[in-house]
């Protein structure tokens, strides 16, 4: 041994993982459950837990005054615009002004029928409303992604949000299809099973398209690829993604209608109505941030290609050995 003493290098402390960097870790084998493990499954998951996701969603929105003010301004401007067009309806409908599609598509369809009935004017309104909603929702998604990643909101969030406008417009058009499929099921199967079919169409639409805006913003891919990756992210095992979609549906439609005061038709909603309406629309942004956070965390584990199903092993035929 040499007399020179070897200097020991100080060990560098491991870097703390962030939401923008993939975390490489060994995962135990897991068993896929219902809907590819998106609702019930055993083992770990690339998607964070529902409680953690909702918590980060609340933090991403409520710690950014720009997002809260944007929700209030957009809802108030929508009401003034609708009243200017001659809208007559209950102010409680405003609770879903900033909802995620396809729930927000119900708002657009109902508003268009109330204003113009069924006809050419309704189709024009629906087309314009879909484009405006795609732009507004994409910009809000960009601000939310910036809030989650950088802890702030700025014009940069608006710019990256514009990447998702084509994808969000495709989601709007797909949401109209989901609603028509649900209505067809309601008419064909009756009020019992048909109602469940219409609800399943809404929840299923959100299930497969909920990650699409964030995927388009983060990766800058095309519309079709963003939608595909959104569906693959939703099918990741163990994430209970279907449970989150069902929870959002319950909060957005039945709960909003029950809690929001002011069922009468008026052009001057009460203060209580405005407070509840604003609170629900901020809650919509919270759920949007919840979906965005889950995608950002699970993004490195979302496959670029569909995961091939394992074929069951076939029993090999036994060889007959003859005696010599």
C-alpha atoms as a PDB file:
ATOM      1  CA  UNK A   1       0.000   0.000   0.000  1.00  0.00           C
ATOM      2  CA  UNK A   2       1.265   3.491  -0.811  1.00  0.00           C
ATOM      3  CA  UNK A   3       1.818   5.993   1.894  1.00  0.00           C
ATOM      4  CA  UNK A   4      -0.316   8.569   0.164  1.00  0.00           C
ATOM      5  CA  UNK A   5      -3.676   8.901   1.728  1.00  0.00           C
ATOM      6  CA  UNK A   6      -6.561   8.919  -0.633  1.00  0.00           C
ATOM      7  CA  UNK A   7      -8.833  11.902  -0.288  1.00  0.00           C
ATOM      8  CA  UNK A   8     -12.455  10.988  -0.003  1.00  0.00           C
ATOM      9  CA  UNK A   9     -14.722  12.992  -2.233  1.00  0.00           C
ATOM     10  CA  UNK A  10     -17.717  14.488  -0.538  1.00  0.00           C
ATOM     11  CA  UNK A  11     -20.912  12.823  -1.526  1.00  0.00           C
ATOM     12  CA  UNK A  12     -23.215  15.085  -3.432  1.00  0.00           C
ATOM     13  CA  UNK A  13     -26.752  15.210  -2.117  1.00  0.00           C
ATOM     14  CA  UNK A  14     -29.275  13.783  -4.566  1.00  0.00           C
ATOM     15  CA  UNK A  15     -31.285  16.303  -6.508  1.00  0.00           C
ATOM     16  CA  UNK A  16     -34.867  16.655  -5.463  1.00  0.00           C
ATOM     17  CA  UNK A  17     -37.250  15.492  -8.185  1.00  0.00           C
ATOM     18  CA  UNK A  18     -39.525  18.049  -9.783  1.00  0.00           C
ATOM     19  CA  UNK A  19     -42.685  17.710 -11.796  1.00  0.00           C
ATOM     20  CA  UNK A  20     -40.784  18.428 -14.994  1.00  0.00           C
ATOM     21  CA  UNK A  21     -38.178  15.685 -14.577  1.00  0.00           C
ATOM     22  CA  UNK A  22     -38.947  11.988 -14.814  1.00  0.00           C
ATOM     23  CA  UNK A  23     -38.408  10.048 -11.636  1.00  0.00           C
ATOM     24  CA  UNK A  24     -36.802   6.685 -12.299  1.00  0.00           C
ATOM     25  CA  UNK A  25     -37.726   4.164  -9.668  1.00  0.00           C
ATOM     26  CA  UNK A  26     -38.323   0.468  -9.376  1.00  0.00           C
ATOM     27  CA  UNK A  27     -41.996  -0.402  -9.281  1.00  0.00           C
ATOM     28  CA  UNK A  28     -43.386  -3.651  -8.081  1.00  0.00           C
ATOM     29  CA  UNK A  29     -45.401  -5.668 -10.586  1.00  0.00           C
ATOM     30  CA  UNK A  30     -49.002  -4.547 -10.516  1.00  0.00           C
ATOM     31  CA  UNK A  31     -52.221  -6.148 -11.533  1.00  0.00           C
ATOM     32  CA  UNK A  32     -54.457  -4.196 -13.884  1.00  0.00           C
ATOM     33  CA  UNK A  33     -58.058  -3.843 -12.835  1.00  0.00           C
ATOM     34  CA  UNK A  34     -61.201  -2.320 -14.312  1.00  0.00           C
ATOM     35  CA  UNK A  35     -60.635  -0.201 -17.445  1.00  0.00           C
ATOM     36  CA  UNK A  36     -56.921  -0.992 -17.518  1.00  0.00           C
ATOM     37  CA  UNK A  37     -56.604  -0.187 -13.818  1.00  0.00           C
ATOM     38  CA  UNK A  38     -57.876   3.369 -14.253  1.00  0.00           C
ATOM     39  CA  UNK A  39     -60.521   2.869 -11.587  1.00  0.00           C
ATOM     40  CA  UNK A  40     -59.622  -0.101  -9.406  1.00  0.00           C
ATOM     41  CA  UNK A  41     -56.252  -1.846  -9.362  1.00  0.00           C
ATOM     42  CA  UNK A  42     -53.549  -3.029  -7.041  1.00  0.00           C
ATOM     43  CA  UNK A  43     -50.004  -1.732  -6.803  1.00  0.00           C
ATOM     44  CA  UNK A  44     -48.295   1.560  -7.515  1.00  0.00           C
ATOM     45  CA  UNK A  45     -49.137   3.929 -10.336  1.00  0.00           C
ATOM     46  CA  UNK A  46     -47.413   6.584 -12.403  1.00  0.00           C
ATOM     47  CA  UNK A  47     -50.376   8.870 -11.724  1.00  0.00           C
ATOM     48  CA  UNK A  48     -50.390  10.580  -8.315  1.00  0.00           C
ATOM     49  CA  UNK A  49     -53.153   9.866  -5.829  1.00  0.00           C
ATOM     50  CA  UNK A  50     -56.465  11.682  -6.065  1.00  0.00           C
ATOM     51  CA  UNK A  51     -55.918  13.531  -2.797  1.00  0.00           C
ATOM     52  CA  UNK A  52     -52.478  14.769  -3.799  1.00  0.00           C
ATOM     53  CA  UNK A  53     -53.711  15.715  -7.279  1.00  0.00           C
ATOM     54  CA  UNK A  54     -56.646  17.735  -5.948  1.00  0.00           C
ATOM     55  CA  UNK A  55     -54.395  19.414  -3.396  1.00  0.00           C
ATOM     56  CA  UNK A  56     -51.945  20.521  -6.059  1.00  0.00           C
ATOM     57  CA  UNK A  57     -54.864  21.644  -8.198  1.00  0.00           C
ATOM     58  CA  UNK A  58     -56.131  23.910  -5.422  1.00  0.00           C
ATOM     59  CA  UNK A  59     -52.644  25.314  -4.833  1.00  0.00           C
ATOM     60  CA  UNK A  60     -52.013  25.946  -8.529  1.00  0.00           C
ATOM     61  CA  UNK A  61     -55.192  28.027  -8.877  1.00  0.00           C
ATOM     62  CA  UNK A  62     -55.779  29.684  -5.511  1.00  0.00           C
ATOM     63  CA  UNK A  63     -52.184  30.899  -5.157  1.00  0.00           C
ATOM     64  CA  UNK A  64     -52.405  32.741  -8.493  1.00  0.00           C
ATOM     65  CA  UNK A  65     -54.722  35.788  -8.279  1.00  0.00           C
ATOM     66  CA  UNK A  66     -54.612  36.102 -12.087  1.00  0.00           C
ATOM     67  CA  UNK A  67     -56.451  32.787 -12.493  1.00  0.00           C
ATOM     68  CA  UNK A  68     -59.111  33.637  -9.915  1.00  0.00           C
ATOM     69  CA  UNK A  69     -59.677  37.109 -11.401  1.00  0.00           C
ATOM     70  CA  UNK A  70     -59.786  35.628 -14.907  1.00  0.00           C
ATOM     71  CA  UNK A  71     -62.535  33.227 -13.851  1.00  0.00           C
ATOM     72  CA  UNK A  72     -64.627  36.047 -12.346  1.00  0.00           C
ATOM     73  CA  UNK A  73     -64.158  38.355 -15.334  1.00  0.00           C
ATOM     74  CA  UNK A  74     -64.929  35.664 -17.904  1.00  0.00           C
ATOM     75  CA  UNK A  75     -68.131  34.592 -16.142  1.00  0.00           C
ATOM     76  CA  UNK A  76     -69.365  38.178 -15.725  1.00  0.00           C
ATOM     77  CA  UNK A  77     -68.540  39.016 -19.363  1.00  0.00           C
ATOM     78  CA  UNK A  78     -70.365  35.874 -20.537  1.00  0.00           C
ATOM     79  CA  UNK A  79     -73.495  36.852 -18.607  1.00  0.00           C
ATOM     80  CA  UNK A  80     -73.475  40.396 -19.977  1.00  0.00           C
ATOM     81  CA  UNK A  81     -72.998  39.099 -23.510  1.00  0.00           C
ATOM     82  CA  UNK A  82     -75.837  36.606 -23.193  1.00  0.00           C
ATOM     83  CA  UNK A  83     -78.215  39.207 -21.747  1.00  0.00           C
ATOM     84  CA  UNK A  84     -77.298  41.510 -24.619  1.00  0.00           C
ATOM     85  CA  UNK A  85     -78.338  38.776 -27.067  1.00  0.00           C
ATOM     86  CA  UNK A  86     -81.671  38.455 -25.277  1.00  0.00           C
ATOM     87  CA  UNK A  87     -80.958  35.370 -23.192  1.00  0.00           C
ATOM     88  CA  UNK A  88     -83.714  34.423 -20.763  1.00  0.00           C
ATOM     89  CA  UNK A  89     -82.747  31.803 -18.241  1.00  0.00           C
ATOM     90  CA  UNK A  90     -81.765  31.055 -14.682  1.00  0.00           C
ATOM     91  CA  UNK A  91     -78.404  32.465 -13.560  1.00  0.00           C
ATOM     92  CA  UNK A  92     -77.544  29.104 -12.008  1.00  0.00           C
ATOM     93  CA  UNK A  93     -76.614  27.886 -15.482  1.00  0.00           C
ATOM     94  CA  UNK A  94     -73.501  30.082 -15.251  1.00  0.00           C
ATOM     95  CA  UNK A  95     -72.007  27.605 -12.772  1.00  0.00           C
ATOM     96  CA  UNK A  96     -70.656  25.578 -15.713  1.00  0.00           C
ATOM     97  CA  UNK A  97     -69.372  28.487 -17.803  1.00  0.00           C
ATOM     98  CA  UNK A  98     -65.711  27.426 -17.474  1.00  0.00           C
ATOM     99  CA  UNK A  99     -66.323  23.697 -17.123  1.00  0.00           C
ATOM    100  CA  UNK A 100     -64.160  21.166 -18.940  1.00  0.00           C
ATOM    101  CA  UNK A 101     -65.677  19.554 -22.030  1.00  0.00           C
ATOM    102  CA  UNK A 102     -67.947  17.742 -22.595  1.00  0.00           C
ATOM    103  CA  UNK A 103     -69.743  19.308 -19.622  1.00  0.00           C
ATOM    104  CA  UNK A 104     -69.117  22.814 -20.938  1.00  0.00           C
ATOM    105  CA  UNK A 105     -70.521  21.682 -24.293  1.00  0.00           C
ATOM    106  CA  UNK A 106     -73.867  21.134 -22.580  1.00  0.00           C
ATOM    107  CA  UNK A 107     -73.734  24.785 -21.525  1.00  0.00           C
ATOM    108  CA  UNK A 108     -73.108  25.898 -25.114  1.00  0.00           C
ATOM    109  CA  UNK A 109     -75.818  23.681 -26.559  1.00  0.00           C
ATOM    110  CA  UNK A 110     -78.430  24.738 -24.008  1.00  0.00           C
ATOM    111  CA  UNK A 111     -77.566  28.406 -24.396  1.00  0.00           C
ATOM    112  CA  UNK A 112     -77.715  28.210 -28.186  1.00  0.00           C
ATOM    113  CA  UNK A 113     -81.132  26.550 -28.132  1.00  0.00           C
ATOM    114  CA  UNK A 114     -82.439  29.157 -25.668  1.00  0.00           C
ATOM    115  CA  UNK A 115     -81.226  32.021 -27.856  1.00  0.00           C
ATOM    116  CA  UNK A 116     -81.880  30.828 -31.408  1.00  0.00           C
ATOM    117  CA  UNK A 117     -83.786  27.543 -31.278  1.00  0.00           C
ATOM    118  CA  UNK A 118     -82.835  24.759 -33.670  1.00  0.00           C
ATOM    119  CA  UNK A 119     -81.773  26.069 -37.049  1.00  0.00           C
ATOM    120  CA  UNK A 120     -79.016  27.746 -39.012  1.00  0.00           C
ATOM    121  CA  UNK A 121     -78.464  30.455 -36.391  1.00  0.00           C
ATOM    122  CA  UNK A 122     -77.973  27.768 -33.763  1.00  0.00           C
ATOM    123  CA  UNK A 123     -75.289  26.033 -35.846  1.00  0.00           C
ATOM    124  CA  UNK A 124     -73.488  29.348 -36.417  1.00  0.00           C
ATOM    125  CA  UNK A 125     -73.626  30.118 -32.693  1.00  0.00           C
ATOM    126  CA  UNK A 126     -72.330  26.658 -31.828  1.00  0.00           C
ATOM    127  CA  UNK A 127     -69.414  27.003 -34.259  1.00  0.00           C
ATOM    128  CA  UNK A 128     -68.422  30.442 -32.956  1.00  0.00           C
ATOM    129  CA  UNK A 129     -68.850  29.365 -29.333  1.00  0.00           C
ATOM    130  CA  UNK A 130     -66.671  26.289 -29.915  1.00  0.00           C
ATOM    131  CA  UNK A 131     -63.842  28.385 -31.366  1.00  0.00           C
ATOM    132  CA  UNK A 132     -64.023  30.987 -28.594  1.00  0.00           C
ATOM    133  CA  UNK A 133     -64.162  28.308 -25.911  1.00  0.00           C
ATOM    134  CA  UNK A 134     -61.200  26.472 -27.456  1.00  0.00           C
ATOM    135  CA  UNK A 135     -59.069  29.640 -27.326  1.00  0.00           C
ATOM    136  CA  UNK A 136     -60.126  30.591 -23.774  1.00  0.00           C
ATOM    137  CA  UNK A 137     -59.710  27.071 -22.394  1.00  0.00           C
ATOM    138  CA  UNK A 138     -56.310  26.634 -24.068  1.00  0.00           C
ATOM    139  CA  UNK A 139     -55.033  29.916 -22.611  1.00  0.00           C
ATOM    140  CA  UNK A 140     -56.279  28.968 -19.142  1.00  0.00           C
ATOM    141  CA  UNK A 141     -54.601  25.575 -19.511  1.00  0.00           C
ATOM    142  CA  UNK A 142     -51.319  27.275 -20.424  1.00  0.00           C
ATOM    143  CA  UNK A 143     -51.500  29.531 -17.363  1.00  0.00           C
ATOM    144  CA  UNK A 144     -52.277  26.538 -15.167  1.00  0.00           C
ATOM    145  CA  UNK A 145     -49.321  24.557 -16.533  1.00  0.00           C
ATOM    146  CA  UNK A 146     -47.039  27.528 -15.907  1.00  0.00           C
ATOM    147  CA  UNK A 147     -48.408  27.821 -12.368  1.00  0.00           C
ATOM    148  CA  UNK A 148     -47.728  24.139 -11.659  1.00  0.00           C
ATOM    149  CA  UNK A 149     -44.227  24.089 -13.160  1.00  0.00           C
ATOM    150  CA  UNK A 150     -42.892  27.577 -12.388  1.00  0.00           C
ATOM    151  CA  UNK A 151     -45.166  28.715  -9.551  1.00  0.00           C
ATOM    152  CA  UNK A 152     -46.286  31.858 -11.402  1.00  0.00           C
ATOM    153  CA  UNK A 153     -48.425  33.103 -14.290  1.00  0.00           C
ATOM    154  CA  UNK A 154     -47.300  35.421 -17.076  1.00  0.00           C
ATOM    155  CA  UNK A 155     -47.592  36.044 -20.788  1.00  0.00           C
ATOM    156  CA  UNK A 156     -45.463  32.967 -21.328  1.00  0.00           C
ATOM    157  CA  UNK A 157     -48.336  30.845 -20.056  1.00  0.00           C
ATOM    158  CA  UNK A 158     -50.646  32.511 -22.565  1.00  0.00           C
ATOM    159  CA  UNK A 159     -48.223  31.795 -25.413  1.00  0.00           C
ATOM    160  CA  UNK A 160     -47.708  28.132 -24.591  1.00  0.00           C
ATOM    161  CA  UNK A 161     -51.444  27.783 -24.087  1.00  0.00           C
ATOM    162  CA  UNK A 162     -52.074  28.830 -27.684  1.00  0.00           C
ATOM    163  CA  UNK A 163     -50.364  25.588 -28.765  1.00  0.00           C
ATOM    164  CA  UNK A 164     -53.380  23.690 -27.505  1.00  0.00           C
ATOM    165  CA  UNK A 165     -56.026  25.644 -29.452  1.00  0.00           C
ATOM    166  CA  UNK A 166     -56.310  23.111 -32.331  1.00  0.00           C
ATOM    167  CA  UNK A 167     -56.362  20.204 -29.872  1.00  0.00           C
ATOM    168  CA  UNK A 168     -58.934  21.912 -27.686  1.00  0.00           C
ATOM    169  CA  UNK A 169     -61.106  22.624 -30.724  1.00  0.00           C
ATOM    170  CA  UNK A 170     -60.947  18.938 -31.632  1.00  0.00           C
ATOM    171  CA  UNK A 171     -61.974  18.098 -28.072  1.00  0.00           C
ATOM    172  CA  UNK A 172     -64.945  20.458 -28.420  1.00  0.00           C
ATOM    173  CA  UNK A 173     -66.082  18.743 -31.614  1.00  0.00           C
ATOM    174  CA  UNK A 174     -65.599  15.310 -30.051  1.00  0.00           C
ATOM    175  CA  UNK A 175     -67.646  16.429 -27.030  1.00  0.00           C
ATOM    176  CA  UNK A 176     -70.578  17.298 -29.301  1.00  0.00           C
ATOM    177  CA  UNK A 177     -70.371  13.756 -30.670  1.00  0.00           C
ATOM    178  CA  UNK A 178     -70.334  12.293 -27.155  1.00  0.00           C
ATOM    179  CA  UNK A 179     -73.469  14.259 -26.253  1.00  0.00           C
ATOM    180  CA  UNK A 180     -75.305  13.174 -29.396  1.00  0.00           C
ATOM    181  CA  UNK A 181     -74.327   9.549 -28.687  1.00  0.00           C
ATOM    182  CA  UNK A 182     -75.680   9.910 -25.155  1.00  0.00           C
ATOM    183  CA  UNK A 183     -78.939  11.420 -26.408  1.00  0.00           C
ATOM    184  CA  UNK A 184     -79.319   8.610 -28.958  1.00  0.00           C
ATOM    185  CA  UNK A 185     -78.814   6.054 -26.188  1.00  0.00           C
ATOM    186  CA  UNK A 186     -81.385   7.874 -24.036  1.00  0.00           C
ATOM    187  CA  UNK A 187     -83.998   7.719 -26.778  1.00  0.00           C
ATOM    188  CA  UNK A 188     -83.252   4.148 -27.809  1.00  0.00           C
ATOM    189  CA  UNK A 189     -82.929   2.537 -24.377  1.00  0.00           C
ATOM    190  CA  UNK A 190     -85.481   4.564 -22.431  1.00  0.00           C
ATOM    191  CA  UNK A 191     -85.225   6.792 -19.355  1.00  0.00           C
ATOM    192  CA  UNK A 192     -83.567   4.161 -17.158  1.00  0.00           C
ATOM    193  CA  UNK A 193     -80.704   2.483 -18.974  1.00  0.00           C
ATOM    194  CA  UNK A 194     -80.628   5.287 -21.545  1.00  0.00           C
ATOM    195  CA  UNK A 195     -79.879   7.854 -18.832  1.00  0.00           C
ATOM    196  CA  UNK A 196     -76.985   5.750 -17.602  1.00  0.00           C
ATOM    197  CA  UNK A 197     -75.755   5.520 -21.189  1.00  0.00           C
ATOM    198  CA  UNK A 198     -75.856   9.295 -21.616  1.00  0.00           C
ATOM    199  CA  UNK A 199     -73.953   9.786 -18.355  1.00  0.00           C
ATOM    200  CA  UNK A 200     -71.398   7.166 -19.418  1.00  0.00           C
ATOM    201  CA  UNK A 201     -70.873   9.035 -22.705  1.00  0.00           C
ATOM    202  CA  UNK A 202     -70.071  12.257 -20.830  1.00  0.00           C
ATOM    203  CA  UNK A 203     -67.762  10.609 -18.314  1.00  0.00           C
ATOM    204  CA  UNK A 204     -66.096   8.579 -21.063  1.00  0.00           C
ATOM    205  CA  UNK A 205     -65.487  11.694 -23.135  1.00  0.00           C
ATOM    206  CA  UNK A 206     -63.777  13.400 -20.213  1.00  0.00           C
ATOM    207  CA  UNK A 207     -61.876  10.194 -19.431  1.00  0.00           C
ATOM    208  CA  UNK A 208     -60.175  10.009 -22.834  1.00  0.00           C
ATOM    209  CA  UNK A 209     -59.722  13.746 -23.583  1.00  0.00           C
ATOM    210  CA  UNK A 210     -59.010  15.242 -20.151  1.00  0.00           C
ATOM    211  CA  UNK A 211     -55.212  15.154 -20.603  1.00  0.00           C
ATOM    212  CA  UNK A 212     -55.189  16.342 -24.235  1.00  0.00           C
ATOM    213  CA  UNK A 213     -54.671  20.124 -23.690  1.00  0.00           C
ATOM    214  CA  UNK A 214     -51.807  19.596 -21.254  1.00  0.00           C
ATOM    215  CA  UNK A 215     -50.204  17.020 -23.546  1.00  0.00           C
ATOM    216  CA  UNK A 216     -50.373  19.470 -26.464  1.00  0.00           C
ATOM    217  CA  UNK A 217     -48.868  22.276 -24.366  1.00  0.00           C
ATOM    218  CA  UNK A 218     -46.084  20.186 -22.886  1.00  0.00           C
ATOM    219  CA  UNK A 219     -44.996  18.288 -25.990  1.00  0.00           C
ATOM    220  CA  UNK A 220     -46.188  20.425 -28.889  1.00  0.00           C
ATOM    221  CA  UNK A 221     -47.440  17.458 -30.886  1.00  0.00           C
ATOM    222  CA  UNK A 222     -50.283  17.386 -33.360  1.00  0.00           C
ATOM    223  CA  UNK A 223     -53.964  17.081 -32.594  1.00  0.00           C
ATOM    224  CA  UNK A 224     -54.277  13.361 -33.261  1.00  0.00           C
ATOM    225  CA  UNK A 225     -51.146  12.440 -31.326  1.00  0.00           C
ATOM    226  CA  UNK A 226     -52.149  14.620 -28.352  1.00  0.00           C
ATOM    227  CA  UNK A 227     -55.540  12.916 -28.217  1.00  0.00           C
ATOM    228  CA  UNK A 228     -53.924   9.498 -28.474  1.00  0.00           C
ATOM    229  CA  UNK A 229     -51.471  10.210 -25.683  1.00  0.00           C
ATOM    230  CA  UNK A 230     -54.292  11.575 -23.551  1.00  0.00           C
ATOM    231  CA  UNK A 231     -56.111   8.267 -23.888  1.00  0.00           C
ATOM    232  CA  UNK A 232     -52.958   6.283 -23.112  1.00  0.00           C
ATOM    233  CA  UNK A 233     -52.326   8.392 -20.028  1.00  0.00           C
ATOM    234  CA  UNK A 234     -55.880   7.790 -18.866  1.00  0.00           C
ATOM    235  CA  UNK A 235     -55.355   4.026 -19.188  1.00  0.00           C
ATOM    236  CA  UNK A 236     -52.274   3.928 -16.963  1.00  0.00           C
ATOM    237  CA  UNK A 237     -52.832   1.284 -14.278  1.00  0.00           C
ATOM    238  CA  UNK A 238     -53.637   2.222 -10.726  1.00  0.00           C
ATOM    239  CA  UNK A 239     -54.445   5.901 -11.261  1.00  0.00           C
ATOM    240  CA  UNK A 240     -58.192   5.713 -10.569  1.00  0.00           C
ATOM    241  CA  UNK A 241     -58.638   8.181 -13.385  1.00  0.00           C
ATOM    242  CA  UNK A 242     -62.220   7.083 -14.019  1.00  0.00           C
ATOM    243  CA  UNK A 243     -63.063   7.840 -10.389  1.00  0.00           C
ATOM    244  CA  UNK A 244     -61.750  11.384 -10.813  1.00  0.00           C
ATOM    245  CA  UNK A 245     -63.825  11.875 -13.971  1.00  0.00           C
ATOM    246  CA  UNK A 246     -66.965  10.610 -12.230  1.00  0.00           C
ATOM    247  CA  UNK A 247     -66.293  12.893  -9.247  1.00  0.00           C
ATOM    248  CA  UNK A 248     -65.913  15.896 -11.533  1.00  0.00           C
ATOM    249  CA  UNK A 249     -69.154  15.052 -13.287  1.00  0.00           C
ATOM    250  CA  UNK A 250     -71.027  14.891  -9.947  1.00  0.00           C
ATOM    251  CA  UNK A 251     -69.580  18.225  -8.833  1.00  0.00           C
ATOM    252  CA  UNK A 252     -70.232  19.959 -12.158  1.00  0.00           C
ATOM    253  CA  UNK A 253     -73.821  18.990 -12.892  1.00  0.00           C
ATOM    254  CA  UNK A 254     -75.948  17.590 -10.030  1.00  0.00           C
ATOM    255  CA  UNK A 255     -74.184  19.385  -7.189  1.00  0.00           C
ATOM    256  CA  UNK A 256     -73.981  22.695  -9.044  1.00  0.00           C
ATOM    257  CA  UNK A 257     -77.696  22.634  -9.801  1.00  0.00           C
ATOM    258  CA  UNK A 258     -78.598  21.769  -6.214  1.00  0.00           C
ATOM    259  CA  UNK A 259     -76.325  24.289  -4.482  1.00  0.00           C
ATOM    260  CA  UNK A 260     -76.597  27.320  -6.772  1.00  0.00           C
ATOM    261  CA  UNK A 261     -79.440  29.617  -5.673  1.00  0.00           C
ATOM    262  CA  UNK A 262     -81.579  31.555  -8.121  1.00  0.00           C
ATOM    263  CA  UNK A 263     -83.645  29.149 -10.182  1.00  0.00           C
ATOM    264  CA  UNK A 264     -85.912  31.959 -11.376  1.00  0.00           C
ATOM    265  CA  UNK A 265     -85.431  33.624 -14.753  1.00  0.00           C
ATOM    266  CA  UNK A 266     -83.889  37.047 -14.196  1.00  0.00           C
ATOM    267  CA  UNK A 267     -81.363  39.423 -15.708  1.00  0.00           C
ATOM    268  CA  UNK A 268     -80.143  40.564 -12.270  1.00  0.00           C
ATOM    269  CA  UNK A 269     -78.835  37.621 -10.227  1.00  0.00           C
ATOM    270  CA  UNK A 270     -78.610  38.046  -6.476  1.00  0.00           C
ATOM    271  CA  UNK A 271     -75.328  38.467  -4.650  1.00  0.00           C
ATOM    272  CA  UNK A 272     -75.594  34.928  -3.261  1.00  0.00           C
ATOM    273  CA  UNK A 273     -76.047  33.577  -6.779  1.00  0.00           C
ATOM    274  CA  UNK A 274     -72.953  35.427  -8.020  1.00  0.00           C
ATOM    275  CA  UNK A 275     -70.824  34.164  -5.121  1.00  0.00           C
ATOM    276  CA  UNK A 276     -71.779  30.522  -5.690  1.00  0.00           C
ATOM    277  CA  UNK A 277     -71.404  30.852  -9.481  1.00  0.00           C
ATOM    278  CA  UNK A 278     -67.927  32.369  -9.151  1.00  0.00           C
ATOM    279  CA  UNK A 279     -66.918  29.687  -6.632  1.00  0.00           C
ATOM    280  CA  UNK A 280     -67.979  26.856  -8.940  1.00  0.00           C
ATOM    281  CA  UNK A 281     -66.121  28.321 -11.903  1.00  0.00           C
ATOM    282  CA  UNK A 282     -62.947  28.642  -9.827  1.00  0.00           C
ATOM    283  CA  UNK A 283     -63.530  25.029  -8.837  1.00  0.00           C
ATOM    284  CA  UNK A 284     -63.618  24.117 -12.540  1.00  0.00           C
ATOM    285  CA  UNK A 285     -60.138  25.615 -12.896  1.00  0.00           C
ATOM    286  CA  UNK A 286     -59.040  23.575  -9.871  1.00  0.00           C
ATOM    287  CA  UNK A 287     -60.120  20.369 -11.577  1.00  0.00           C
ATOM    288  CA  UNK A 288     -58.424  21.499 -14.777  1.00  0.00           C
ATOM    289  CA  UNK A 289     -55.229  21.981 -12.767  1.00  0.00           C
ATOM    290  CA  UNK A 290     -55.758  18.561 -11.164  1.00  0.00           C
ATOM    291  CA  UNK A 291     -55.812  16.882 -14.574  1.00  0.00           C
ATOM    292  CA  UNK A 292     -52.793  18.930 -15.690  1.00  0.00           C
ATOM    293  CA  UNK A 293     -50.745  18.008 -12.617  1.00  0.00           C
ATOM    294  CA  UNK A 294     -51.495  14.314 -13.037  1.00  0.00           C
ATOM    295  CA  UNK A 295     -50.341  14.431 -16.650  1.00  0.00           C
ATOM    296  CA  UNK A 296     -47.125  16.309 -15.811  1.00  0.00           C
ATOM    297  CA  UNK A 297     -46.186  13.720 -13.191  1.00  0.00           C
ATOM    298  CA  UNK A 298     -47.054  10.685 -15.320  1.00  0.00           C
ATOM    299  CA  UNK A 299     -45.822  12.110 -18.637  1.00  0.00           C
ATOM    300  CA  UNK A 300     -42.502  10.175 -18.726  1.00  0.00           C
ATOM    301  CA  UNK A 301     -44.345   6.863 -18.331  1.00  0.00           C
ATOM    302  CA  UNK A 302     -46.955   7.431 -21.038  1.00  0.00           C
ATOM    303  CA  UNK A 303     -45.981   5.144 -23.945  1.00  0.00           C
ATOM    304  CA  UNK A 304     -45.511   6.570 -27.431  1.00  0.00           C
ATOM    305  CA  UNK A 305     -47.075   3.457 -28.899  1.00  0.00           C
ATOM    306  CA  UNK A 306     -49.979   1.360 -27.628  1.00  0.00           C
ATOM    307  CA  UNK A 307     -48.874  -1.242 -25.141  1.00  0.00           C
ATOM    308  CA  UNK A 308     -49.273  -4.660 -26.799  1.00  0.00           C
ATOM    309  CA  UNK A 309     -51.407  -7.128 -24.947  1.00  0.00           C
ATOM    310  CA  UNK A 310     -49.660 -10.233 -23.742  1.00  0.00           C
ATOM    311  CA  UNK A 311     -50.880 -13.274 -25.578  1.00  0.00           C
ATOM    312  CA  UNK A 312     -51.668 -16.308 -23.421  1.00  0.00           C
ATOM    313  CA  UNK A 313     -49.010 -18.954 -23.682  1.00  0.00           C
ATOM    314  CA  UNK A 314     -50.097 -21.905 -25.759  1.00  0.00           C
ATOM    315  CA  UNK A 315     -49.371 -25.370 -24.529  1.00  0.00           C
ATOM    316  CA  UNK A 316     -46.897 -27.100 -26.754  1.00  0.00           C
ATOM    317  CA  UNK A 317     -47.983 -30.505 -28.032  1.00  0.00           C
ATOM    318  CA  UNK A 318     -46.089 -33.316 -26.392  1.00  0.00           C
ATOM    319  CA  UNK A 319     -43.691 -35.117 -28.673  1.00  0.00           C
ATOM    320  CA  UNK A 320     -44.229 -38.795 -29.065  1.00  0.00           C
ATOM    321  CA  UNK A 321     -40.973 -40.571 -28.689  1.00  0.00           C
ATOM    322  CA  UNK A 322     -40.802 -43.949 -30.302  1.00  0.00           C
ATOM    323  CA  UNK A 323     -38.675 -46.765 -29.016  1.00  0.00           C
ATOM    324  CA  UNK A 324     -35.951 -48.078 -31.226  1.00  0.00           C
END
